[in-house]
Amino acid sequence: MQEMIRYIKEQLSPVYPANEIKAMAKVIATDAFHFNILDYYAGKDIKLSREQNEILHQIVARLLLHEPLQYIIGEAWFHGRMFKVNKNVLIPRPETGELADIILHSHTKEKLKVLDIGTGSGCIAITLALGLPSPQVEAWDISQEALNTAKENAQRLHADVTFRQIDILASLPPSDAQWDIIASNPPYVTEKEKKTMDANVLDWEPGIALFVPDQTPLLFYEAIGKFGRTHLKPGGMIYFEINRMFGKETAQLLQDLGYTDIEILKDISHNERIAKARR
């Protein structure tokens, strides 16, 4: 074990900070090789087989190209569950978990109808399907590849979610469907923010799920907000993960669209990250 950790540190130290390398070493040991977490912290003397050494070298080589470790392993933890991830979906973030927490803690009624727009890996939809009491959950995404991943995650985690390929920015077919909850973590990173982003995000994660034009940073919030005016039940709630730079603007947009009880909530890092409002 110590030999493996030492190799990871030696190889990655020119590229990554020490605290990130430490976190990566733990994930490689426990998630890639499935070593016991107690053995890892105890520094148990475990020797890698030749095949394991080859896998380790491949993982490190890909990390040196700034490929996210979650894509290399093919999985990522979210809300206490392991989700399949790949280049077609965003890697779930802790702040998205906070969004799911807020929804779960705010609703106890049974059989709520829930819609997740821009589902990606399905992490929000599946978490709500498994955490709310007997909900009816539907999830949309523009990407069929992302939906394929989300469907696999739902099957693996035994979650009942209906998935549909729908572009919220397109002309939607007439429908009288109404939901109690609409949730979304839509694209919200502006093009000008690219210059501050790390290579492991900018070069590897799907841009279609990340970026919006500088001129219309609230593009998806406006479209989803307008959709919610007619497709949320009276008193229904809308929840967004938002760009921390546009909290006030998002609140104003929701107000202009006629929503009430608007709140902009901060994440664990004290950034304005979540918007909620009532129809």
Protein backbone atom coordinates (compact mmCIF):
# COMPACT_ATOMS: atom_id res chain seq x y z
CA MET A 1 0.00 0.00 0.00
CA GLN A 2 2.73 2.45 1.00
CA GLU A 3 4.66 1.68 -2.18
CA MET A 4 1.56 2.47 -4.25
CA ILE A 5 0.93 5.74 -2.41
CA ARG A 6 4.57 6.74 -2.75
CA TYR A 7 4.47 6.10 -6.52
CA ILE A 8 1.29 8.19 -6.91
CA LYS A 9 2.84 11.09 -4.98
CA GLU A 10 6.13 10.98 -6.90
CA GLN A 11 4.46 10.91 -10.29
CA LEU A 12 1.72 13.47 -9.67
CA SER A 13 3.57 16.04 -7.53
CA PRO A 14 4.77 18.08 -10.55
CA VAL A 15 1.15 18.53 -11.69
CA TYR A 16 -1.18 18.46 -8.68
CA PRO A 17 -1.11 20.05 -5.19
CA ALA A 18 -0.30 17.77 -2.26
CA ASN A 19 -3.82 17.79 -0.77
CA GLU A 20 -5.35 16.78 -4.10
CA ILE A 21 -2.83 13.98 -4.55
CA LYS A 22 -3.67 12.69 -1.09
CA ALA A 23 -7.37 12.60 -1.95
CA MET A 24 -6.65 10.89 -5.28
CA ALA A 25 -4.51 8.22 -3.61
CA LYS A 26 -7.37 7.37 -1.26
CA VAL A 27 -9.88 7.10 -4.13
CA ILE A 28 -7.52 4.95 -6.20
CA ALA A 29 -6.93 2.60 -3.26
CA THR A 30 -10.56 2.27 -2.19
CA ASP A 31 -12.59 2.76 -5.38
CA ALA A 32 -10.24 1.52 -8.11
CA PHE A 33 -8.62 -1.36 -6.21
CA HIS A 34 -11.31 -1.80 -3.53
CA PHE A 35 -8.86 -1.95 -0.65
CA ASN A 36 -10.38 -1.65 2.80
CA ILE A 37 -10.45 1.96 4.00
CA LEU A 38 -9.09 0.93 7.41
CA ASP A 39 -6.18 -0.84 5.75
CA TYR A 40 -5.51 2.30 3.75
CA TYR A 41 -5.35 4.55 6.80
CA ALA A 42 -3.33 1.95 8.71
CA GLY A 43 -0.83 1.77 5.85
CA LYS A 44 -1.18 -2.01 5.63
CA ASP A 45 1.62 -3.69 3.70
CA ILE A 46 -0.30 -4.76 0.60
CA LYS A 47 1.62 -5.67 -2.56
CA LEU A 48 0.06 -5.03 -5.94
CA SER A 49 -0.03 -7.81 -8.48
CA ARG A 50 1.52 -7.30 -11.90
CA GLU A 51 -1.94 -6.63 -13.36
CA GLN A 52 -2.76 -4.15 -10.60
CA ASN A 53 0.55 -2.36 -11.17
CA GLU A 54 -0.27 -2.01 -14.86
CA ILE A 55 -3.67 -0.57 -13.99
CA LEU A 56 -2.06 1.85 -11.53
CA HIS A 57 0.40 3.06 -14.17
CA GLN A 58 -2.47 3.59 -16.63
CA ILE A 59 -4.45 5.57 -14.06
CA VAL A 60 -1.49 7.80 -13.24
CA ALA A 61 -0.68 8.34 -16.93
CA ARG A 62 -4.25 9.52 -17.56
CA LEU A 63 -4.16 11.77 -14.49
CA LEU A 64 -1.04 13.40 -15.87
CA LEU A 65 -3.16 14.37 -18.89
CA HIS A 66 -5.61 16.04 -16.45
CA GLU A 67 -8.35 13.51 -17.08
CA PRO A 68 -10.71 13.49 -14.07
CA LEU A 69 -10.17 10.52 -11.80
CA GLN A 70 -13.91 9.82 -11.73
CA TYR A 71 -13.90 9.33 -15.51
CA ILE A 72 -10.86 7.08 -15.28
CA ILE A 73 -12.50 4.88 -12.66
CA GLY A 74 -15.91 5.29 -14.31
CA GLU A 75 -17.76 6.07 -11.10
CA ALA A 76 -18.38 8.90 -8.66
CA TRP A 77 -20.03 9.13 -5.26
CA PHE A 78 -23.14 11.28 -4.90
CA HIS A 79 -25.36 11.51 -1.85
CA GLY A 80 -23.99 8.25 -0.45
CA ARG A 81 -24.43 6.27 -3.67
CA MET A 82 -22.04 5.34 -6.46
CA PHE A 83 -23.02 6.63 -9.91
CA LYS A 84 -21.58 5.66 -13.25
CA VAL A 85 -19.98 8.65 -14.98
CA ASN A 86 -18.27 9.18 -18.32
CA LYS A 87 -17.39 11.98 -20.73
CA ASN A 88 -21.08 12.38 -21.65
CA VAL A 89 -22.14 13.58 -18.19
CA LEU A 90 -20.91 16.02 -15.58
CA ILE A 91 -19.22 14.64 -12.50
CA PRO A 92 -21.67 15.17 -9.60
CA ARG A 93 -20.58 17.94 -7.22
CA PRO A 94 -21.19 18.32 -3.48
CA GLU A 95 -23.21 21.51 -4.04
CA THR A 96 -25.60 19.53 -6.23
CA GLY A 97 -25.97 17.17 -3.31
CA GLU A 98 -26.94 20.18 -1.20
CA LEU A 99 -29.67 20.98 -3.73
CA ALA A 100 -31.00 17.43 -3.42
CA ASP A 101 -30.86 17.69 0.39
CA ILE A 102 -32.93 20.86 0.41
CA ILE A 103 -35.61 19.25 -1.75
CA LEU A 104 -35.68 16.06 0.32
CA HIS A 105 -35.93 17.94 3.61
CA SER A 106 -38.67 20.25 2.29
CA HIS A 107 -41.13 17.62 1.07
CA THR A 108 -42.74 14.77 2.99
CA LYS A 109 -45.98 14.34 1.07
CA GLU A 110 -46.41 11.03 -0.75
CA LYS A 111 -46.65 10.57 -4.51
CA LEU A 112 -45.33 13.97 -5.52
CA LYS A 113 -44.73 14.44 -9.23
CA VAL A 114 -41.12 15.51 -9.82
CA LEU A 115 -39.36 16.70 -12.97
CA ASP A 116 -35.57 17.00 -13.29
CA ILE A 117 -34.52 19.08 -16.31
CA GLY A 118 -31.00 18.49 -17.65
CA THR A 119 -30.53 15.28 -15.71
CA GLY A 120 -27.06 14.27 -16.94
CA SER A 121 -25.99 11.24 -14.91
CA GLY A 122 -29.43 11.18 -13.32
CA CYS A 123 -27.98 11.95 -9.90
CA ILE A 124 -30.70 14.42 -8.84
CA ALA A 125 -33.64 12.48 -10.26
CA ILE A 126 -32.47 9.15 -8.85
CA THR A 127 -31.69 10.62 -5.43
CA LEU A 128 -35.16 12.15 -5.25
CA ALA A 129 -36.78 8.95 -6.52
CA LEU A 130 -35.09 6.99 -3.74
CA GLY A 131 -35.47 9.63 -1.03
CA LEU A 132 -38.98 11.01 -1.38
CA PRO A 133 -42.03 8.95 -0.29
CA SER A 134 -43.39 7.11 -3.37
CA PRO A 135 -42.75 9.91 -5.91
CA GLN A 136 -43.38 9.89 -9.64
CA VAL A 137 -40.11 11.11 -11.14
CA GLU A 138 -39.39 12.13 -14.72
CA ALA A 139 -36.04 13.36 -16.05
CA TRP A 140 -35.16 15.16 -19.27
CA ASP A 141 -31.93 15.78 -21.13
CA ILE A 142 -31.03 16.94 -24.62
CA SER A 143 -28.26 14.31 -24.87
CA GLN A 144 -29.20 10.71 -25.65
CA GLU A 145 -25.74 9.62 -24.50
CA ALA A 146 -26.32 11.25 -21.12
CA LEU A 147 -29.74 9.61 -20.88
CA ASN A 148 -28.20 6.21 -21.58
CA THR A 149 -25.88 6.74 -18.62
CA ALA A 150 -28.73 7.97 -16.42
CA LYS A 151 -30.85 4.96 -17.31
CA GLU A 152 -28.02 2.63 -16.39
CA ASN A 153 -27.62 4.40 -13.05
CA ALA A 154 -31.33 4.08 -12.35
CA GLN A 155 -31.21 0.37 -13.12
CA ARG A 156 -28.14 -0.18 -10.97
CA LEU A 157 -29.65 1.72 -8.04
CA HIS A 158 -33.18 0.34 -8.48
CA ALA A 159 -34.76 3.76 -8.94
CA ASP A 160 -38.05 4.24 -10.78
CA VAL A 161 -37.45 7.20 -13.11
CA THR A 162 -38.91 7.93 -16.54
CA PHE A 163 -36.31 9.42 -18.90
CA ARG A 164 -37.06 11.50 -21.99
CA GLN A 165 -34.88 13.21 -24.60
CA ILE A 166 -36.21 16.77 -24.56
CA ASP A 167 -34.57 20.13 -25.25
CA ILE A 168 -36.07 22.69 -22.88
CA LEU A 169 -34.96 25.49 -25.23
CA ALA A 170 -36.90 24.05 -28.17
CA SER A 171 -40.59 24.33 -28.91
CA LEU A 172 -42.15 21.73 -26.63
CA PRO A 173 -45.16 19.68 -27.72
CA PRO A 174 -48.47 20.65 -26.10
CA SER A 175 -48.95 18.95 -22.76
CA ASP A 176 -51.23 19.32 -19.78
CA ALA A 177 -48.79 17.53 -17.46
CA GLN A 178 -48.15 19.29 -14.17
CA TRP A 179 -45.57 18.68 -11.48
CA ASP A 180 -45.28 19.39 -7.77
CA ILE A 181 -41.52 19.93 -8.06
CA ILE A 182 -39.28 21.02 -10.91
CA ALA A 183 -35.54 20.76 -10.22
CA SER A 184 -32.64 21.65 -12.46
CA ASN A 185 -28.88 22.04 -12.49
CA PRO A 186 -28.69 23.57 -15.96
CA PRO A 187 -25.67 24.96 -17.82
CA TYR A 188 -24.67 28.20 -16.07
CA VAL A 189 -20.94 28.80 -16.59
CA THR A 190 -20.33 31.81 -18.83
CA GLU A 191 -17.82 31.65 -21.65
CA LYS A 192 -15.62 34.29 -20.00
CA GLU A 193 -15.23 32.05 -16.95
CA LYS A 194 -13.34 29.47 -19.00
CA LYS A 195 -10.05 31.25 -18.40
CA THR A 196 -10.29 30.53 -14.66
CA MET A 197 -11.25 26.87 -15.00
CA ASP A 198 -9.01 23.87 -14.39
CA ALA A 199 -7.98 21.71 -17.33
CA ASN A 200 -9.60 18.60 -15.85
CA VAL A 201 -12.99 20.35 -16.18
CA LEU A 202 -12.47 22.46 -19.29
CA ASP A 203 -10.84 19.76 -21.42
CA TRP A 204 -12.85 16.75 -20.32
CA GLU A 205 -16.36 17.48 -19.05
CA PRO A 206 -19.16 18.04 -21.62
CA GLY A 207 -19.37 21.69 -22.59
CA ILE A 208 -23.04 21.32 -23.53
CA ALA A 209 -23.79 20.74 -19.84
CA LEU A 210 -21.60 23.59 -18.61
CA PHE A 211 -21.58 26.72 -20.73
CA VAL A 212 -23.93 29.54 -21.64
CA PRO A 213 -23.24 32.66 -23.72
CA ASP A 214 -21.90 35.67 -21.82
CA GLN A 215 -24.81 37.73 -23.17
CA THR A 216 -27.51 35.37 -21.83
CA PRO A 217 -26.23 33.79 -18.60
CA LEU A 218 -29.78 33.06 -17.38
CA LEU A 219 -30.87 31.45 -20.64
CA PHE A 220 -31.94 28.14 -19.10
CA TYR A 221 -33.43 29.65 -15.95
CA GLU A 222 -35.71 31.82 -18.05
CA ALA A 223 -36.82 28.90 -20.22
CA ILE A 224 -37.42 26.59 -17.26
CA GLY A 225 -39.09 29.36 -15.27
CA LYS A 226 -41.50 30.09 -18.09
CA PHE A 227 -42.22 26.38 -18.46
CA GLY A 228 -42.90 26.14 -14.74
CA ARG A 229 -45.54 28.89 -14.85
CA THR A 230 -47.88 26.53 -16.68
CA HIS A 231 -46.52 23.11 -15.73
CA LEU A 232 -46.08 23.47 -11.98
CA LYS A 233 -49.16 22.81 -9.93
CA PRO A 234 -50.43 25.84 -7.98
CA GLY A 235 -48.14 26.07 -4.98
CA GLY A 236 -45.57 23.85 -6.67
CA MET A 237 -41.87 24.50 -6.12
CA ILE A 238 -39.00 25.14 -8.50
CA TYR A 239 -35.39 24.51 -7.45
CA PHE A 240 -32.21 25.52 -9.27
CA GLU A 241 -28.50 25.18 -8.82
CA ILE A 242 -27.17 28.59 -9.91
CA ASN A 243 -24.03 30.47 -10.82
CA ARG A 244 -22.81 32.15 -7.64
CA MET A 245 -22.31 35.42 -9.57
CA PHE A 246 -25.99 35.70 -10.54
CA GLY A 247 -27.97 35.15 -7.35
CA LYS A 248 -29.70 38.54 -7.39
CA GLU A 249 -30.37 38.34 -11.11
CA THR A 250 -31.89 34.86 -10.77
CA ALA A 251 -34.14 36.03 -7.95
CA GLN A 252 -35.26 39.03 -10.02
CA LEU A 253 -35.98 36.79 -13.00
CA LEU A 254 -38.16 34.51 -10.89
CA GLN A 255 -39.97 37.50 -9.45
CA ASP A 256 -40.58 38.92 -12.92
CA LEU A 257 -42.04 35.56 -13.95
CA GLY A 258 -44.53 35.74 -11.12
CA TYR A 259 -43.01 33.34 -8.60
CA THR A 260 -43.31 33.93 -4.86
CA ASP A 261 -41.42 32.83 -1.71
CA ILE A 262 -38.16 33.28 -3.60
CA GLU A 263 -34.98 32.37 -1.73
CA ILE A 264 -31.32 32.34 -2.74
CA LEU A 265 -29.44 29.92 -0.51
CA LYS A 266 -25.70 29.60 0.13
CA ASP A 267 -23.77 26.36 -0.15
CA ILE A 268 -21.29 24.99 2.37
CA SER A 269 -18.62 27.29 0.88
CA HIS A 270 -20.87 30.32 1.50
CA ASN A 271 -21.50 30.89 -2.21
CA GLU A 272 -24.99 31.73 -3.47
CA ARG A 273 -25.69 28.41 -5.15
CA ILE A 274 -29.36 27.42 -4.87
CA ALA A 275 -32.55 29.21 -5.83
CA LYS A 276 -36.02 28.10 -4.80
CA ALA A 277 -39.42 29.63 -5.51
CA ARG A 278 -43.12 28.84 -5.47
CA ARG A 279 -45.62 29.09 -8.29
